């Protein structure tokens, strides 16, 4: 009700009445009937019109793209995933080639979803790498080898819409904060396992990027100084020991060393390793267990430094199941400091491509609903629409 908004916001009753009248006239807010009254006339309840605007979210992967169109409540009304390149994994594609494919897919999504383009408020882009969400720069992409590429300017020029770009794990974290297990939590972390290992953070109720978007490089903490070389050029990184790519490499090394396994060194994938472990293959079981152990050490590091109330573990790598996750939980409890592990909830959350793309859409929604005072402090790009900017007041 208007009275409740006035109490929560500290705005005067007259200001709330005037603002809500504007929002109702613009179709941003609906009156939803009467509420219960303690005494006097029942209050009129207000509700956001979630169909007043729409956003798109895109997850860019090494070999494919996933797109969603959502309403203002992050409800998905359209989803599609397509290959990124006609052949190969697309890893040699230039920024212009990838963004051209993204723009075409977004336009097709608007058409297929039946969304009026004039009601589209922005597009969110999520991809792996060192991404500066404040400037829209991709500082480094491990999938494509890009460095210092302005993704926002190029995609905005192609689409004629406001574009926001974010590291894909950060986008997933924002989605968890909006509608996932992190909703209502003040301190939580999202750890993703796949070809790499990522970390997203919400601290004191605020999503945390760090300077230049560089927070969350959990995969590049050193856990074994004499360990294998990582893609970053250093040795012993968690990612080089515990990621899906590391598991595949370790199995191939075991085969080359003559260890007995049903796996073929030419056909090793993480899916094949998990299937072999399920079938009783000792090499597959051992390598997955080692991966899980080091992941647990990584989780304990997060717990010891930040003491979140919740850690969400997601990504395609959780499909390895108990072969990886049981050793992870054990190592977490062993390496977390002085009963810290007992006070932290760990949730396993397999996240499909639709969820990741929805996270990218939530990046846009997060910008739309952000307080103008925060925008002034961070000096970001201009808000997407005047109407939505006024709704931040």
Protein backbone atom coordinates (compact mmCIF):
# COMPACT_ATOMS: atom_id res chain seq x y z
CA UNK A 1 0.00 0.00 0.00
CA UNK A 2 1.02 3.63 -0.36
CA UNK A 3 1.22 3.96 3.42
CA UNK A 4 3.57 0.99 3.70
CA UNK A 5 5.79 2.39 0.93
CA UNK A 6 5.91 5.71 2.80
CA UNK A 7 6.95 3.99 6.03
CA UNK A 8 9.61 1.82 4.37
CA UNK A 9 11.09 4.55 2.18
CA UNK A 10 10.87 7.50 4.55
CA UNK A 11 9.14 9.52 1.83
CA UNK A 12 6.13 11.65 2.71
CA UNK A 13 2.65 10.32 2.00
CA UNK A 14 2.12 13.10 -0.55
CA UNK A 15 5.33 12.24 -2.41
CA UNK A 16 4.40 8.56 -2.56
CA UNK A 17 0.94 9.40 -3.82
CA UNK A 18 2.31 11.64 -6.57
CA UNK A 19 4.95 9.13 -7.66
CA UNK A 20 2.60 6.17 -7.75
CA UNK A 21 0.11 8.24 -9.76
CA UNK A 22 2.86 8.78 -12.37
CA UNK A 23 3.73 5.08 -12.39
CA UNK A 24 0.11 4.06 -12.80
CA UNK A 25 -0.36 6.52 -15.67
CA UNK A 26 2.76 5.12 -17.38
CA UNK A 27 1.58 1.54 -16.89
CA UNK A 28 4.45 0.63 -14.58
CA UNK A 29 2.24 -0.06 -11.55
CA UNK A 30 -1.24 -1.57 -11.09
CA UNK A 31 -3.73 -1.16 -8.28
CA UNK A 32 -4.56 -4.67 -7.09
CA UNK A 33 -7.62 -4.23 -4.87
CA UNK A 34 -8.00 -3.65 -1.16
CA UNK A 35 -5.88 -4.97 1.68
CA UNK A 36 -6.83 -5.58 5.30
CA UNK A 37 -7.37 -2.58 7.50
CA UNK A 38 -6.74 -2.51 11.25
CA UNK A 39 -9.22 0.33 11.40
CA UNK A 40 -10.65 2.80 8.92
CA UNK A 41 -10.80 2.40 5.17
CA UNK A 42 -8.94 -0.63 3.68
CA UNK A 43 -5.72 0.38 1.86
CA UNK A 44 -5.38 -0.02 -1.90
CA UNK A 45 -2.56 -2.42 -2.72
CA UNK A 46 -0.06 -1.70 -5.48
CA UNK A 47 1.89 -4.09 -7.66
CA UNK A 48 4.64 -3.67 -10.24
CA UNK A 49 3.42 -4.34 -13.77
CA UNK A 50 5.99 -6.96 -14.73
CA UNK A 51 4.89 -6.75 -18.37
CA UNK A 52 5.72 -3.05 -18.66
CA UNK A 53 9.16 -3.85 -20.00
CA UNK A 54 11.39 -6.72 -21.06
CA UNK A 55 15.08 -7.55 -21.12
CA UNK A 56 17.24 -10.12 -22.88
CA UNK A 57 20.10 -12.10 -21.40
CA UNK A 58 22.78 -13.98 -23.35
CA UNK A 59 25.33 -16.49 -22.14
CA UNK A 60 28.32 -16.76 -24.46
CA UNK A 61 30.10 -20.10 -24.35
CA UNK A 62 33.03 -21.51 -26.25
CA UNK A 63 30.86 -23.23 -28.83
CA UNK A 64 27.32 -21.98 -28.31
CA UNK A 65 25.02 -19.13 -27.32
CA UNK A 66 22.00 -19.21 -25.02
CA UNK A 67 19.43 -16.40 -24.93
CA UNK A 68 16.41 -15.62 -22.77
CA UNK A 69 13.83 -12.87 -22.83
CA UNK A 70 12.36 -12.07 -19.42
CA UNK A 71 9.83 -9.69 -17.93
CA UNK A 72 10.62 -7.22 -15.12
CA UNK A 73 10.28 -10.01 -12.55
CA UNK A 74 12.97 -12.10 -14.30
CA UNK A 75 10.39 -14.64 -15.45
CA UNK A 76 11.57 -16.29 -18.66
CA UNK A 77 9.13 -15.95 -21.54
CA UNK A 78 11.50 -17.23 -24.24
CA UNK A 79 14.64 -19.37 -24.31
CA UNK A 80 16.82 -20.78 -27.07
CA UNK A 81 20.36 -22.15 -27.39
CA UNK A 82 22.24 -22.41 -30.70
CA UNK A 83 25.76 -23.30 -31.86
CA UNK A 84 28.09 -20.33 -32.06
CA UNK A 85 30.05 -21.45 -35.11
CA UNK A 86 29.16 -23.52 -38.16
CA UNK A 87 32.08 -25.82 -37.37
CA UNK A 88 34.57 -26.15 -34.53
CA UNK A 89 34.18 -24.61 -31.09
CA UNK A 90 34.32 -20.98 -32.20
CA UNK A 91 37.45 -20.29 -30.17
CA UNK A 92 39.13 -18.49 -33.09
CA UNK A 93 36.24 -16.10 -33.70
CA UNK A 94 36.90 -12.38 -33.46
CA UNK A 95 34.85 -10.11 -31.17
CA UNK A 96 32.98 -8.71 -34.17
CA UNK A 97 32.06 -12.20 -35.39
CA UNK A 98 30.78 -13.29 -31.97
CA UNK A 99 28.86 -10.07 -31.33
CA UNK A 100 27.30 -10.23 -34.79
CA UNK A 101 25.99 -13.71 -33.90
CA UNK A 102 24.77 -12.41 -30.53
CA UNK A 103 22.95 -9.46 -32.12
CA UNK A 104 21.24 -11.71 -34.67
CA UNK A 105 20.17 -14.14 -31.95
CA UNK A 106 18.78 -11.38 -29.74
CA UNK A 107 16.79 -9.88 -32.60
CA UNK A 108 15.41 -13.32 -33.46
CA UNK A 109 14.47 -13.82 -29.79
CA UNK A 110 12.44 -10.61 -29.72
CA UNK A 111 10.61 -11.65 -32.86
CA UNK A 112 9.93 -15.20 -31.67
CA UNK A 113 8.79 -14.08 -28.20
CA UNK A 114 6.38 -11.52 -29.62
CA UNK A 115 7.91 -8.74 -27.50
CA UNK A 116 7.46 -5.23 -28.87
CA UNK A 117 10.99 -3.93 -29.34
CA UNK A 118 9.95 -0.52 -28.02
CA UNK A 119 9.36 -2.19 -24.64
CA UNK A 120 12.86 -3.70 -24.46
CA UNK A 121 14.91 -2.01 -21.75
CA UNK A 122 18.30 -3.59 -22.31
CA UNK A 123 20.43 -6.64 -23.04
CA UNK A 124 22.75 -8.43 -20.64
CA UNK A 125 25.79 -10.39 -21.81
CA UNK A 126 27.53 -12.97 -19.64
CA UNK A 127 30.80 -14.67 -20.59
CA UNK A 128 33.78 -16.23 -18.87
CA UNK A 129 36.89 -14.20 -18.23
CA UNK A 130 38.02 -11.00 -16.61
CA UNK A 131 35.13 -8.66 -17.30
CA UNK A 132 34.83 -5.09 -16.04
CA UNK A 133 31.09 -4.70 -15.70
CA UNK A 134 31.36 -0.98 -14.93
CA UNK A 135 33.12 -0.10 -18.19
CA UNK A 136 31.87 -2.95 -20.40
CA UNK A 137 35.41 -4.07 -21.17
CA UNK A 138 36.49 -7.67 -21.60
CA UNK A 139 39.99 -7.56 -20.15
CA UNK A 140 40.66 -11.20 -20.98
CA UNK A 141 38.61 -14.07 -22.43
CA UNK A 142 40.01 -17.58 -21.90
CA UNK A 143 37.64 -19.00 -24.53
CA UNK A 144 38.52 -16.59 -27.33
CA UNK A 145 41.86 -15.13 -26.30
CA UNK A 146 40.52 -11.56 -26.45
CA UNK A 147 42.18 -8.76 -24.49
CA UNK A 148 40.83 -5.28 -23.76
CA UNK A 149 37.77 -5.47 -26.01
CA UNK A 150 34.92 -2.99 -25.53
CA UNK A 151 31.96 -5.36 -25.88
CA UNK A 152 29.30 -2.88 -24.79
CA UNK A 153 30.00 -0.20 -27.38
CA UNK A 154 30.07 -2.72 -30.24
CA UNK A 155 26.88 -4.50 -29.24
CA UNK A 156 25.02 -1.28 -28.46
CA UNK A 157 25.86 -0.03 -31.94
CA UNK A 158 24.55 -3.25 -33.48
CA UNK A 159 21.32 -3.40 -31.46
CA UNK A 160 20.53 0.22 -30.67
CA UNK A 161 19.80 -0.84 -27.09
CA UNK A 162 21.51 -0.41 -23.73
CA UNK A 163 23.89 -3.29 -23.12
CA UNK A 164 25.46 -4.52 -19.88
CA UNK A 165 28.22 -7.09 -19.77
CA UNK A 166 29.32 -9.21 -16.83
CA UNK A 167 31.43 -12.22 -15.99
CA UNK A 168 29.14 -15.24 -16.36
CA UNK A 169 29.68 -16.45 -12.79
CA UNK A 170 28.85 -12.98 -11.50
CA UNK A 171 25.69 -13.01 -13.63
CA UNK A 172 24.72 -16.36 -12.13
CA UNK A 173 25.36 -14.94 -8.66
CA UNK A 174 23.06 -12.00 -9.37
CA UNK A 175 20.40 -14.50 -10.49
CA UNK A 176 20.83 -16.46 -7.24
CA UNK A 177 20.44 -13.22 -5.31
CA UNK A 178 17.26 -12.37 -7.20
CA UNK A 179 15.34 -15.63 -7.27
CA UNK A 180 17.61 -18.47 -6.11
CA UNK A 181 18.94 -19.86 -2.84
CA UNK A 182 20.71 -16.57 -2.16
CA UNK A 183 17.48 -14.56 -2.08
CA UNK A 184 17.25 -12.79 1.27
CA UNK A 185 20.80 -13.78 2.29
CA UNK A 186 23.26 -11.07 3.30
CA UNK A 187 26.46 -13.06 2.78
CA UNK A 188 26.81 -15.87 0.26
CA UNK A 189 29.17 -17.21 -2.38
CA UNK A 190 28.59 -19.05 -5.65
CA UNK A 191 31.34 -21.44 -6.75
CA UNK A 192 31.11 -22.88 -10.26
CA UNK A 193 32.89 -25.95 -11.57
CA UNK A 194 33.42 -26.60 -15.26
CA UNK A 195 36.24 -26.06 -17.70
CA UNK A 196 37.29 -23.43 -15.17
CA UNK A 197 36.47 -22.64 -11.55
CA UNK A 198 34.74 -19.37 -10.71
CA UNK A 199 33.46 -17.48 -7.70
CA UNK A 200 30.71 -14.90 -7.28
CA UNK A 201 30.14 -12.97 -4.05
CA UNK A 202 27.35 -11.16 -2.23
CA UNK A 203 28.68 -9.37 0.86
CA UNK A 204 26.52 -7.37 3.27
CA UNK A 205 23.62 -7.82 0.87
CA UNK A 206 25.50 -6.25 -2.05
CA UNK A 207 26.87 -8.00 -5.10
CA UNK A 208 30.66 -7.59 -5.04
CA UNK A 209 32.75 -7.17 -8.21
CA UNK A 210 36.00 -5.90 -6.76
CA UNK A 211 38.10 -3.30 -8.51
CA UNK A 212 37.82 -3.61 -12.26
CA UNK A 213 35.57 -6.67 -11.91
CA UNK A 214 38.53 -8.82 -10.88
CA UNK A 215 37.11 -10.32 -7.68
CA UNK A 216 36.29 -14.02 -7.60
CA UNK A 217 39.25 -15.63 -9.36
CA UNK A 218 39.07 -18.65 -7.06
CA UNK A 219 40.40 -20.89 -9.82
CA UNK A 220 43.70 -19.05 -9.71
CA UNK A 221 44.57 -19.34 -6.06
CA UNK A 222 47.74 -21.42 -5.68
CA UNK A 223 47.10 -24.70 -3.89
CA UNK A 224 50.19 -26.64 -5.06
CA UNK A 225 53.24 -24.58 -5.88
CA UNK A 226 54.89 -27.41 -7.82
CA UNK A 227 51.65 -28.39 -9.54
CA UNK A 228 50.81 -28.40 -13.25
CA UNK A 229 50.92 -25.26 -15.36
CA UNK A 230 47.67 -23.35 -15.56
CA UNK A 231 46.20 -21.53 -18.56
CA UNK A 232 47.11 -18.29 -16.77
CA UNK A 233 50.79 -19.21 -17.06
CA UNK A 234 51.33 -19.93 -13.37
CA UNK A 235 51.66 -23.28 -11.65
CA UNK A 236 49.55 -25.06 -9.09
CA UNK A 237 46.34 -23.08 -9.53
CA UNK A 238 43.16 -24.72 -8.24
CA UNK A 239 41.77 -24.65 -11.79
CA UNK A 240 44.80 -26.58 -13.09
CA UNK A 241 44.21 -29.32 -10.52
CA UNK A 242 40.46 -29.56 -9.95
CA UNK A 243 38.51 -28.31 -13.01
CA UNK A 244 36.86 -30.53 -15.62
CA UNK A 245 39.73 -29.77 -17.98
CA UNK A 246 42.20 -30.86 -15.30
CA UNK A 247 40.31 -34.11 -14.76
CA UNK A 248 40.48 -34.92 -18.48
CA UNK A 249 44.19 -34.12 -18.58
CA UNK A 250 44.93 -36.24 -15.53
CA UNK A 251 43.08 -39.23 -16.96
CA UNK A 252 45.04 -38.97 -20.21
CA UNK A 253 48.26 -38.80 -18.19
CA UNK A 254 47.22 -41.92 -16.27
CA UNK A 255 46.54 -43.77 -19.51
CA UNK A 256 49.91 -42.70 -20.93
CA UNK A 257 51.54 -43.96 -17.72
CA UNK A 258 50.03 -47.40 -18.29
CA UNK A 259 47.33 -47.37 -15.60
CA UNK A 260 44.48 -49.78 -16.27
CA UNK A 261 41.27 -48.08 -17.34
CA UNK A 262 38.42 -48.56 -19.80
CA UNK A 263 38.91 -45.02 -21.08
CA UNK A 264 40.50 -44.23 -24.43
CA UNK A 265 42.99 -41.35 -24.38
CA UNK A 266 41.61 -40.08 -27.72
CA UNK A 267 38.03 -39.98 -26.46
CA UNK A 268 38.31 -38.68 -22.90
CA UNK A 269 35.64 -36.17 -21.87
CA UNK A 270 34.36 -35.31 -18.42
CA UNK A 271 31.14 -37.16 -19.27
CA UNK A 272 33.12 -40.27 -20.24
CA UNK A 273 35.11 -40.08 -17.00
CA UNK A 274 31.94 -39.90 -14.90
CA UNK A 275 30.40 -42.81 -16.82
CA UNK A 276 33.56 -44.86 -16.28
CA UNK A 277 33.53 -44.06 -12.55
CA UNK A 278 29.90 -45.19 -12.35
CA UNK A 279 30.98 -48.41 -14.05
CA UNK A 280 33.66 -49.11 -11.43
CA UNK A 281 36.73 -47.72 -13.23
CA UNK A 282 39.30 -47.05 -10.49
CA UNK A 283 41.30 -44.48 -12.46
CA UNK A 284 38.20 -42.39 -13.13
CA UNK A 285 37.12 -42.66 -9.50
CA UNK A 286 40.58 -41.67 -8.24
CA UNK A 287 40.91 -38.62 -10.47
CA UNK A 288 37.42 -37.34 -9.65
CA UNK A 289 38.11 -37.83 -5.94
CA UNK A 290 41.34 -35.85 -6.19
CA UNK A 291 39.46 -33.08 -7.98
CA UNK A 292 36.83 -33.07 -5.24
CA UNK A 293 39.46 -32.89 -2.52
CA UNK A 294 41.07 -29.78 -3.98
CA UNK A 295 37.67 -28.20 -4.59
CA UNK A 296 36.96 -28.71 -0.88
CA UNK A 297 40.21 -26.95 -0.06
CA UNK A 298 39.07 -24.06 -2.27
CA UNK A 299 35.68 -23.88 -0.52
CA UNK A 300 37.44 -23.88 2.85
CA UNK A 301 39.56 -20.95 1.69
CA UNK A 302 36.41 -19.00 0.82
CA UNK A 303 34.90 -19.93 4.19
CA UNK A 304 37.99 -19.01 6.19
CA UNK A 305 38.42 -15.61 4.51
CA UNK A 306 34.79 -14.47 4.11
CA UNK A 307 32.65 -16.63 6.47
CA UNK A 308 29.52 -16.54 4.27
CA UNK A 309 26.31 -18.04 5.58
CA UNK A 310 25.84 -20.01 2.36
CA UNK A 311 27.99 -21.44 -0.43
CA UNK A 312 26.19 -22.50 -3.62
CA UNK A 313 28.18 -24.96 -5.74
CA UNK A 314 27.04 -25.11 -9.36
CA UNK A 315 28.13 -25.48 -12.96
CA UNK A 316 28.28 -28.46 -15.27
CA UNK A 317 30.99 -30.05 -13.13
CA UNK A 318 28.56 -30.99 -10.37
CA UNK A 319 27.22 -33.67 -12.73
CA UNK A 320 30.16 -35.79 -11.56
CA UNK A 321 28.03 -36.52 -8.53
CA UNK A 322 29.24 -38.21 -5.37
CA UNK A 323 32.58 -39.24 -6.92
CA UNK A 324 33.62 -35.59 -6.77
CA UNK A 325 31.22 -34.02 -4.27
CA UNK A 326 31.72 -36.39 -1.32
CA UNK A 327 35.52 -35.81 -1.23
CA UNK A 328 34.80 -32.09 -1.67
CA UNK A 329 32.57 -32.01 1.40
CA UNK A 330 35.08 -33.99 3.44
CA UNK A 331 38.00 -31.72 2.52
CA UNK A 332 35.86 -28.66 3.19
CA UNK A 333 35.11 -29.81 6.73
CA UNK A 334 38.76 -30.76 7.32
CA UNK A 335 40.26 -27.48 6.09
CA UNK A 336 37.68 -24.93 7.24
CA UNK A 337 38.89 -23.17 10.38
CA UNK A 338 37.54 -24.04 13.85
CA UNK A 339 33.97 -25.21 13.16
CA UNK A 340 33.45 -22.64 10.40
CA UNK A 341 32.15 -25.39 8.11
CA UNK A 342 29.46 -26.31 10.59
CA UNK A 343 28.00 -22.80 10.40
CA UNK A 344 27.97 -22.59 6.60
CA UNK A 345 25.29 -24.19 4.47
CA UNK A 346 26.55 -25.77 1.24
CA UNK A 347 23.99 -26.30 -1.52
CA UNK A 348 24.64 -28.12 -4.78
CA UNK A 349 22.79 -26.37 -7.60
CA UNK A 350 23.19 -27.72 -11.15
CA UNK A 351 22.66 -24.72 -13.42
CA UNK A 352 21.66 -25.20 -17.05
CA UNK A 353 22.32 -22.70 -19.82
CA UNK A 354 18.89 -21.14 -19.37
CA UNK A 355 19.70 -20.24 -15.76
CA UNK A 356 23.04 -18.70 -16.77
CA UNK A 357 21.34 -16.63 -19.50
CA UNK A 358 18.65 -15.60 -17.02
CA UNK A 359 21.47 -14.38 -14.82
CA UNK A 360 22.66 -12.14 -17.64
CA UNK A 361 19.13 -10.73 -17.88
CA UNK A 362 19.19 -10.08 -14.14
CA UNK A 363 22.31 -7.95 -14.63
CA UNK A 364 20.14 -5.55 -16.65
CA UNK A 365 17.31 -5.66 -14.12
CA UNK A 366 19.77 -4.98 -11.33
CA UNK A 367 20.87 -1.82 -13.12
CA UNK A 368 17.28 -0.74 -13.74
CA UNK A 369 16.32 -1.08 -10.07
CA UNK A 370 19.54 0.37 -8.66
CA UNK A 371 19.27 3.52 -6.59
CA UNK A 372 20.34 6.67 -8.47
CA UNK A 373 22.58 7.48 -5.49
CA UNK A 374 24.55 4.29 -6.13
CA UNK A 375 24.74 5.18 -9.81
CA UNK A 376 26.18 8.60 -9.00
CA UNK A 377 28.79 7.06 -6.70
CA UNK A 378 29.87 4.49 -9.28
CA UNK A 379 29.48 6.86 -12.27
CA UNK A 380 28.10 4.16 -14.61
CA UNK A 381 26.42 4.52 -17.96
CA UNK A 382 23.16 6.40 -18.24
CA UNK A 383 20.04 4.54 -17.14
CA UNK A 384 18.20 2.76 -20.00
CA UNK A 385 14.92 4.72 -19.89
CA UNK A 386 13.66 7.83 -18.20
CA UNK A 387 10.51 6.06 -17.00
CA UNK A 388 12.41 3.30 -15.27
CA UNK A 389 14.95 5.77 -13.87
CA UNK A 390 12.13 7.66 -12.17
CA UNK A 391 10.88 4.40 -10.64
CA UNK A 392 14.22 4.19 -8.78
CA UNK A 393 13.40 7.36 -6.82
